[in-house]
Amino acid sequence: MTGRLLLTAIVLVAFVSVPAVGQDKPGVNEGDFMLRDFRFASGEVLPELRLHYRTLGTPRRDAAGVVRNAVLILHGTTGSGAGFLSEQFAGELFGPGQLLDAGVYYIVLPDGIGHGQSSRPSDGLHARFPHYAYADMVTAQHRLLTEGLGVNHLRLVMGTSMGGMHTWMWGERYPDFMDALLPLASLSVQIAGRNRMLRRMVIDPIRSDPEWKNGEYTSQPRGLTAAVYTLLLMSSSPLSWQTQAPTREASDRLFDELVSRQLARLDANDMLYAFDASRDYDPAPGLERILAPLVAINSADDQVNPPELGILEREIRRVQRGEYVLLPISEKTRGHGTHSLPALWKEHLARLLEVSGRERP
């Protein structure tokens, strides 16, 4: 599956400026990349696929016309590129003199298929939307860069959770396209065991709910609430929650707030599709194809990728220039969500940039 279009018409639209991330940070450019007759790995075709994106900074080319400062950052399941504009993320990385200074780097933040402002089931097709997989998402990201934004090389690919899994795939599918890889909160094997079962706990309550109506509901089905319960469990941190809610009353209050917040932003079809997209993820057979220096970072309190599985310790040996970092549990870690707290792992990013910068052709 190459992901090439049946027609070659490409449209780049709505390139507008939005407010800056914060003080002293360059503004964010925001737009939509339209792909015509996009063929998915399933064989389904979408006449028009919209991929929304945000960029910071300006691409810079060397004498040979190769872009040398582009950074691709990929979000997690049910998220969007906008999440990386938060103060806890952008404020640690994108400011003047910081590791990914937006005055130095060209930062690309796409919304994956089915997420954010990219084409989604909730746009109107509902359960008739193509059943996209991670391979389709990575293909669309690559086309956004090469055909939409004119980026022919990446200084760094990094991603959180689902975006971390996409980062492994990028390293295998386009091994010469980047200088470095930083997958966060992910594993380099197919999703199995409890991880797979947790995803079924998200998918099945929606799909089996009579109120889902084969995707044609007019109000969110009750199965979405059960799915949210599982989502919260997946991303939870026992130490953090105990600290935030040390009493029964505080626990009930925090739980109600978290559930309400998630229900306000989620759509049942979008969520079902997003979790189902991981069904055929399995980079394990191709790990030896990864050429760029890679640092995989997980946290010890991650309920999705628990360290006792010993998977990355084993699999990282197959990556030519791979390294695995396990962050210890602390009062600062947030379980799976530690991936979005660069203050806790940016020293490893700094070392990766230094090493890959020396090796860069």
Protein backbone atom coordinates (compact mmCIF):
# COMPACT_ATOMS: atom_id res chain seq x y z
CA MET A 1 0.00 0.00 0.00
CA THR A 2 1.67 3.17 -1.24
CA GLY A 3 -1.14 5.56 -0.45
CA ARG A 4 -0.79 7.31 -3.85
CA LEU A 5 -3.87 9.07 -5.15
CA LEU A 6 -5.93 7.99 -8.15
CA LEU A 7 -5.85 11.62 -9.23
CA THR A 8 -2.93 13.95 -8.69
CA ALA A 9 -4.85 17.11 -7.90
CA ILE A 10 -3.65 18.56 -4.61
CA VAL A 11 -5.09 21.67 -3.04
CA LEU A 12 -3.52 23.65 -0.21
CA VAL A 13 -6.07 25.98 1.37
CA ALA A 14 -6.86 28.22 4.33
CA PHE A 15 -3.32 29.20 5.25
CA VAL A 16 -4.05 31.70 7.99
CA SER A 17 -2.25 33.13 10.96
CA VAL A 18 -3.49 32.50 14.49
CA PRO A 19 -2.25 34.03 17.72
CA ALA A 20 1.23 33.25 18.91
CA VAL A 21 1.81 30.36 21.31
CA GLY A 22 3.10 32.68 23.97
CA GLN A 23 5.27 35.68 24.53
CA ASP A 24 8.34 35.90 22.32
CA LYS A 25 7.25 32.87 20.24
CA PRO A 26 6.64 33.11 16.48
CA GLY A 27 3.02 32.96 15.34
CA VAL A 28 1.33 29.72 14.35
CA ASN A 29 0.32 29.21 10.73
CA GLU A 30 -2.73 27.01 10.30
CA GLY A 31 -4.17 25.40 7.19
CA ASP A 32 -5.78 22.45 5.45
CA PHE A 33 -4.13 20.10 2.95
CA MET A 34 -6.67 18.47 0.63
CA LEU A 35 -5.96 15.09 -0.97
CA ARG A 36 -8.27 13.94 -3.77
CA ASP A 37 -9.50 10.34 -4.07
CA PHE A 38 -7.34 9.12 -1.21
CA ARG A 39 -7.16 5.32 -1.23
CA PHE A 40 -6.95 3.68 2.18
CA ALA A 41 -5.22 0.40 3.00
CA SER A 42 -8.70 -1.15 3.31
CA GLY A 43 -9.35 -0.36 -0.38
CA GLU A 44 -11.88 2.32 0.49
CA VAL A 45 -11.56 5.68 -1.27
CA LEU A 46 -12.45 9.10 0.11
CA PRO A 47 -13.07 11.65 -2.67
CA GLU A 48 -11.59 14.41 -0.54
CA LEU A 49 -9.42 13.92 2.54
CA ARG A 50 -8.68 17.01 4.60
CA LEU A 51 -5.54 17.03 6.71
CA HIS A 52 -5.38 19.99 9.07
CA TYR A 53 -2.01 21.25 10.28
CA ARG A 54 -0.21 23.96 12.19
CA THR A 55 3.32 25.17 11.64
CA LEU A 56 5.73 27.38 13.53
CA GLY A 57 8.86 28.89 12.07
CA THR A 58 10.26 28.80 8.54
CA PRO A 59 11.83 25.93 6.57
CA ARG A 60 15.50 26.41 5.71
CA ARG A 61 17.25 24.61 2.86
CA ASP A 62 20.90 23.83 2.33
CA ALA A 63 22.78 24.44 -0.91
CA ALA A 64 21.34 21.22 -2.36
CA GLY A 65 17.77 22.28 -1.60
CA VAL A 66 17.30 19.89 1.32
CA VAL A 67 15.22 21.19 4.24
CA ARG A 68 17.42 20.83 7.32
CA ASN A 69 15.38 22.30 10.18
CA ALA A 70 11.94 20.65 9.94
CA VAL A 71 10.50 18.88 13.00
CA LEU A 72 7.38 16.71 12.81
CA ILE A 73 5.47 16.21 16.09
CA LEU A 74 2.62 13.67 16.17
CA HIS A 75 -0.22 13.58 18.71
CA GLY A 76 -1.98 10.77 20.56
CA THR A 77 -5.35 9.05 20.17
CA THR A 78 -8.32 11.48 20.31
CA GLY A 79 -5.88 14.42 20.45
CA SER A 80 -4.72 16.96 17.89
CA GLY A 81 -1.68 19.03 17.00
CA ALA A 82 -3.17 21.91 18.99
CA GLY A 83 -2.27 20.08 22.19
CA PHE A 84 1.40 20.80 21.59
CA LEU A 85 0.75 24.54 21.79
CA SER A 86 0.09 24.35 25.54
CA GLU A 87 2.41 26.15 27.90
CA GLN A 88 3.55 22.88 29.47
CA PHE A 89 4.76 21.64 26.06
CA ALA A 90 5.47 24.63 23.82
CA GLY A 91 6.60 26.67 26.80
CA GLU A 92 9.34 24.12 27.46
CA LEU A 93 10.49 23.51 23.88
CA PHE A 94 9.53 26.17 21.32
CA GLY A 95 10.70 29.42 22.93
CA PRO A 96 13.87 31.42 22.19
CA GLY A 97 16.95 29.43 23.08
CA GLN A 98 14.97 26.30 23.87
CA LEU A 99 15.63 22.90 22.29
CA LEU A 100 13.12 23.31 19.46
CA ASP A 101 13.26 27.10 19.23
CA ALA A 102 10.59 28.06 16.67
CA GLY A 103 12.90 30.82 15.48
CA VAL A 104 15.39 28.14 14.43
CA TYR A 105 13.25 25.13 13.57
CA TYR A 106 10.28 24.64 11.26
CA ILE A 107 7.77 22.78 13.44
CA VAL A 108 4.89 20.87 11.81
CA LEU A 109 1.92 19.78 13.93
CA PRO A 110 -0.63 17.82 11.88
CA ASP A 111 -4.02 16.56 13.01
CA GLY A 112 -4.15 12.87 12.13
CA ILE A 113 -6.91 11.40 10.01
CA GLY A 114 -10.05 11.18 12.14
CA HIS A 115 -8.73 13.70 14.67
CA GLY A 116 -8.87 17.41 15.39
CA GLN A 117 -9.90 19.42 12.33
CA SER A 118 -8.90 16.75 9.82
CA SER A 119 -11.57 14.65 8.07
CA ARG A 120 -13.48 12.62 10.67
CA PRO A 121 -16.47 10.28 10.80
CA SER A 122 -18.40 12.97 12.69
CA ASP A 123 -18.15 15.29 9.68
CA GLY A 124 -21.18 13.49 8.24
CA LEU A 125 -20.22 10.06 6.92
CA HIS A 126 -20.43 8.55 10.41
CA ALA A 127 -19.88 4.76 10.19
CA ARG A 128 -19.57 5.03 6.39
CA PHE A 129 -16.24 6.83 6.84
CA PRO A 130 -13.30 4.74 5.53
CA HIS A 131 -11.86 2.45 8.20
CA TYR A 132 -8.47 4.09 8.40
CA ALA A 133 -5.44 2.46 9.99
CA TYR A 134 -2.13 3.81 11.25
CA ALA A 135 -0.54 3.15 7.86
CA ASP A 136 -3.04 5.53 6.24
CA MET A 137 -2.32 8.20 8.84
CA VAL A 138 1.45 8.00 8.24
CA THR A 139 0.98 8.06 4.46
CA ALA A 140 -1.13 11.20 4.72
CA GLN A 141 1.42 12.85 7.02
CA HIS A 142 4.20 12.13 4.53
CA ARG A 143 2.15 13.57 1.67
CA LEU A 144 1.37 16.68 3.69
CA LEU A 145 5.08 17.28 4.17
CA THR A 146 6.34 16.45 0.70
CA GLU A 147 3.48 17.60 -1.52
CA GLY A 148 1.77 20.18 0.63
CA LEU A 149 4.57 21.90 2.53
CA GLY A 150 7.54 21.08 0.31
CA VAL A 151 9.51 19.40 3.11
CA ASN A 152 11.91 16.79 1.73
CA HIS A 153 13.76 15.96 4.94
CA LEU A 154 13.15 16.08 8.68
CA ARG A 155 15.57 17.01 11.42
CA LEU A 156 13.42 15.10 13.90
CA VAL A 157 10.28 12.98 14.09
CA MET A 158 8.73 12.69 17.52
CA GLY A 159 5.34 11.68 18.84
CA THR A 160 3.31 10.92 21.93
CA SER A 161 1.36 7.67 22.48
CA MET A 162 -0.26 6.97 19.09
CA GLY A 163 2.15 9.57 17.70
CA GLY A 164 4.98 7.59 19.27
CA MET A 165 3.78 4.49 17.44
CA HIS A 166 3.65 6.51 14.23
CA THR A 167 7.24 7.58 14.92
CA TRP A 168 8.40 3.94 14.87
CA MET A 169 6.55 3.51 11.57
CA TRP A 170 8.14 6.65 10.10
CA GLY A 171 11.59 5.27 10.93
CA GLU A 172 10.84 2.04 9.10
CA ARG A 173 8.93 3.36 6.10
CA TYR A 174 11.13 6.38 5.36
CA PRO A 175 14.52 5.51 6.93
CA ASP A 176 16.47 8.16 5.01
CA PHE A 177 13.96 10.95 5.56
CA MET A 178 14.96 12.01 9.07
CA ASP A 179 18.02 12.64 11.24
CA ALA A 180 16.51 11.47 14.54
CA LEU A 181 13.47 9.76 16.10
CA LEU A 182 11.90 10.24 19.55
CA PRO A 183 8.89 7.96 20.24
CA LEU A 184 7.26 8.72 23.60
CA ALA A 185 4.91 6.44 25.59
CA SER A 186 4.80 3.65 23.04
CA LEU A 187 6.01 0.13 22.30
CA SER A 188 7.53 -1.24 19.11
CA VAL A 189 5.36 -4.36 18.88
CA GLN A 190 1.76 -5.10 17.95
CA ILE A 191 -0.89 -4.09 20.45
CA ALA A 192 -1.77 -7.18 22.47
CA GLY A 193 -2.44 -8.33 26.01
CA ARG A 194 -4.09 -5.81 28.32
CA ASN A 195 -3.43 -2.94 25.91
CA ARG A 196 -5.56 -4.64 23.26
CA MET A 197 -8.20 -5.56 25.81
CA LEU A 198 -8.42 -1.98 27.05
CA ARG A 199 -9.02 -0.84 23.49
CA ARG A 200 -11.80 -3.40 23.17
CA MET A 201 -13.26 -1.90 26.36
CA VAL A 202 -13.46 1.40 24.47
CA ILE A 203 -14.76 -0.01 21.18
CA ASP A 204 -17.26 -2.66 22.29
CA PRO A 205 -19.51 -0.54 24.58
CA ILE A 206 -20.05 1.90 21.72
CA ARG A 207 -20.54 -0.65 18.96
CA SER A 208 -22.86 -2.87 21.04
CA ASP A 209 -25.01 -0.02 22.36
CA PRO A 210 -28.46 0.05 20.65
CA GLU A 211 -28.31 3.83 20.94
CA TRP A 212 -25.30 3.84 18.60
CA LYS A 213 -27.70 2.91 15.74
CA ASN A 214 -24.89 1.75 13.45
CA GLY A 215 -23.33 5.19 13.74
CA GLU A 216 -26.48 7.17 12.91
CA TYR A 217 -27.28 8.44 16.42
CA THR A 218 -28.62 11.96 16.95
CA SER A 219 -27.25 12.22 20.50
CA GLN A 220 -24.19 10.57 21.95
CA PRO A 221 -24.92 6.95 22.95
CA ARG A 222 -24.48 5.86 26.56
CA GLY A 223 -21.71 3.52 25.43
CA LEU A 224 -19.49 6.57 25.04
CA THR A 225 -19.54 7.07 28.82
CA ALA A 226 -18.31 3.52 29.39
CA ALA A 227 -15.60 4.13 26.80
CA VAL A 228 -14.54 7.30 28.63
CA TYR A 229 -14.21 5.33 31.86
CA THR A 230 -11.69 3.05 30.14
CA LEU A 231 -9.87 5.99 28.56
CA LEU A 232 -9.41 7.53 32.01
CA LEU A 233 -8.12 4.26 33.41
CA MET A 234 -5.63 3.91 30.55
CA SER A 235 -4.18 7.37 31.09
CA SER A 236 -4.32 7.38 34.87
CA SER A 237 -1.49 7.60 37.38
CA PRO A 238 -2.27 6.13 40.84
CA LEU A 239 0.20 8.38 42.65
CA SER A 240 -1.00 11.51 40.90
CA TRP A 241 -4.68 10.75 41.46
CA GLN A 242 -4.07 9.91 45.11
CA THR A 243 -2.31 13.25 45.55
CA GLN A 244 -5.06 15.18 43.75
CA ALA A 245 -7.89 13.33 45.47
CA PRO A 246 -6.84 12.12 48.93
CA THR A 247 -10.41 11.85 50.27
CA ARG A 248 -13.58 10.09 49.15
CA GLU A 249 -15.30 13.39 48.40
CA ALA A 250 -12.35 14.74 46.44
CA SER A 251 -12.14 11.49 44.47
CA ASP A 252 -15.80 11.63 43.46
CA ARG A 253 -15.48 15.28 42.52
CA LEU A 254 -12.35 14.70 40.41
CA PHE A 255 -13.90 11.67 38.70
CA ASP A 256 -17.05 13.58 37.77
CA GLU A 257 -14.99 16.49 36.45
CA LEU A 258 -12.77 14.24 34.34
CA VAL A 259 -15.70 12.32 32.86
CA SER A 260 -17.64 15.50 32.11
CA ARG A 261 -14.62 17.09 30.44
CA GLN A 262 -14.05 14.09 28.18
CA LEU A 263 -17.71 13.68 27.22
CA ALA A 264 -17.87 17.34 26.23
CA ARG A 265 -15.12 16.93 23.64
CA LEU A 266 -15.59 13.41 22.27
CA ASP A 267 -17.81 11.87 19.61
CA ALA A 268 -18.65 8.14 19.72
CA ASN A 269 -17.91 7.40 16.05
CA ASP A 270 -14.67 9.37 16.10
CA MET A 271 -13.55 7.57 19.25
CA LEU A 272 -14.48 4.13 17.95
CA TYR A 273 -12.56 4.71 14.71
CA ALA A 274 -9.55 6.21 16.48
CA PHE A 275 -9.09 3.21 18.76
CA ASP A 276 -9.81 0.69 16.02
CA ALA A 277 -7.11 2.27 13.83
CA SER A 278 -4.43 0.53 15.93
CA ARG A 279 -5.71 -2.93 14.92
CA ASP A 280 -2.83 -3.83 12.59
CA TYR A 281 -0.01 -1.82 14.17
CA ASP A 282 3.14 -3.96 14.33
CA PRO A 283 6.56 -2.41 13.61
CA ALA A 284 8.44 -5.34 15.18
CA PRO A 285 9.30 -7.16 11.93
CA GLY A 286 11.03 -4.09 10.48
CA LEU A 287 12.99 -2.62 13.38
CA GLU A 288 16.32 -3.34 11.67
CA ARG A 289 15.29 -0.97 8.86
CA ILE A 290 15.47 2.06 11.17
CA LEU A 291 18.68 3.97 10.37
CA ALA A 292 18.40 7.24 12.30
CA PRO A 293 19.40 7.53 15.96
CA LEU A 294 16.32 6.73 18.05
CA VAL A 295 15.56 7.32 21.73
CA ALA A 296 12.36 5.69 23.05
CA ILE A 297 11.09 7.21 26.30
CA ASN A 298 8.46 5.66 28.58
CA SER A 299 7.54 6.31 32.20
CA ALA A 300 7.43 3.64 34.90
CA ASP A 301 3.85 4.54 35.90
CA ASP A 302 2.45 4.20 32.37
CA GLN A 303 -0.62 1.94 32.59
CA VAL A 304 -0.69 1.47 28.81
CA ASN A 305 2.95 0.42 28.44
CA PRO A 306 3.94 -0.98 31.85
CA PRO A 307 7.69 -1.55 32.18
CA GLU A 308 7.32 -5.00 33.72
CA LEU A 309 6.52 -6.34 30.25
CA GLY A 310 10.21 -5.93 29.37
CA ILE A 311 9.34 -5.37 25.70
CA LEU A 312 11.46 -2.34 24.87
CA GLU A 313 14.49 -3.65 26.74
CA ARG A 314 14.35 -6.61 24.37
CA GLU A 315 13.31 -4.96 21.11
CA ILE A 316 15.55 -1.88 21.27
CA ARG A 317 18.57 -4.11 20.66
CA ARG A 318 17.33 -4.62 17.12
CA VAL A 319 17.43 -0.88 16.37
CA GLN A 320 20.87 -0.04 14.98
CA ARG A 321 21.24 3.20 16.92
CA GLY A 322 18.43 2.78 19.41
CA GLU A 323 18.24 3.64 23.10
CA TYR A 324 15.50 3.07 25.66
CA VAL A 325 14.91 5.47 28.58
CA LEU A 326 12.54 4.60 31.44
CA LEU A 327 11.58 7.58 33.59
CA PRO A 328 11.12 6.62 37.26
CA ILE A 329 7.86 7.29 39.06
CA SER A 330 7.86 10.60 40.91
CA GLU A 331 5.45 13.22 42.14
CA LYS A 332 5.96 14.92 38.77
CA THR A 333 5.17 12.02 36.44
CA ARG A 334 1.59 11.59 35.23
CA GLY A 335 1.42 8.01 34.02
CA HIS A 336 0.83 7.72 30.30
CA GLY A 337 0.42 11.50 30.17
CA THR A 338 4.07 12.04 31.10
CA HIS A 339 4.67 12.08 27.35
CA SER A 340 3.31 15.65 27.27
CA LEU A 341 5.60 16.96 30.01
CA PRO A 342 8.92 17.70 28.26
CA ALA A 343 10.33 19.19 31.46
CA LEU A 344 10.73 15.56 32.59
CA TRP A 345 12.44 14.20 29.46
CA LYS A 346 13.90 17.07 27.46
CA GLU A 347 17.46 16.27 28.60
CA HIS A 348 17.21 13.08 26.54
CA LEU A 349 15.93 15.05 23.56
CA ALA A 350 18.89 17.40 23.91
CA ARG A 351 21.32 14.50 23.81
CA LEU A 352 19.55 12.98 20.79
CA LEU A 353 19.74 16.28 18.90
CA GLU A 354 23.42 16.59 19.74
CA VAL A 355 24.30 13.06 18.65
CA SER A 356 22.22 13.13 15.48
CA GLY A 357 23.54 16.59 14.63
CA ARG A 358 27.10 15.26 14.64
CA GLU A 359 26.12 12.35 12.42
CA ARG A 360 23.98 14.35 9.99
CA PRO A 361 25.35 14.39 6.42
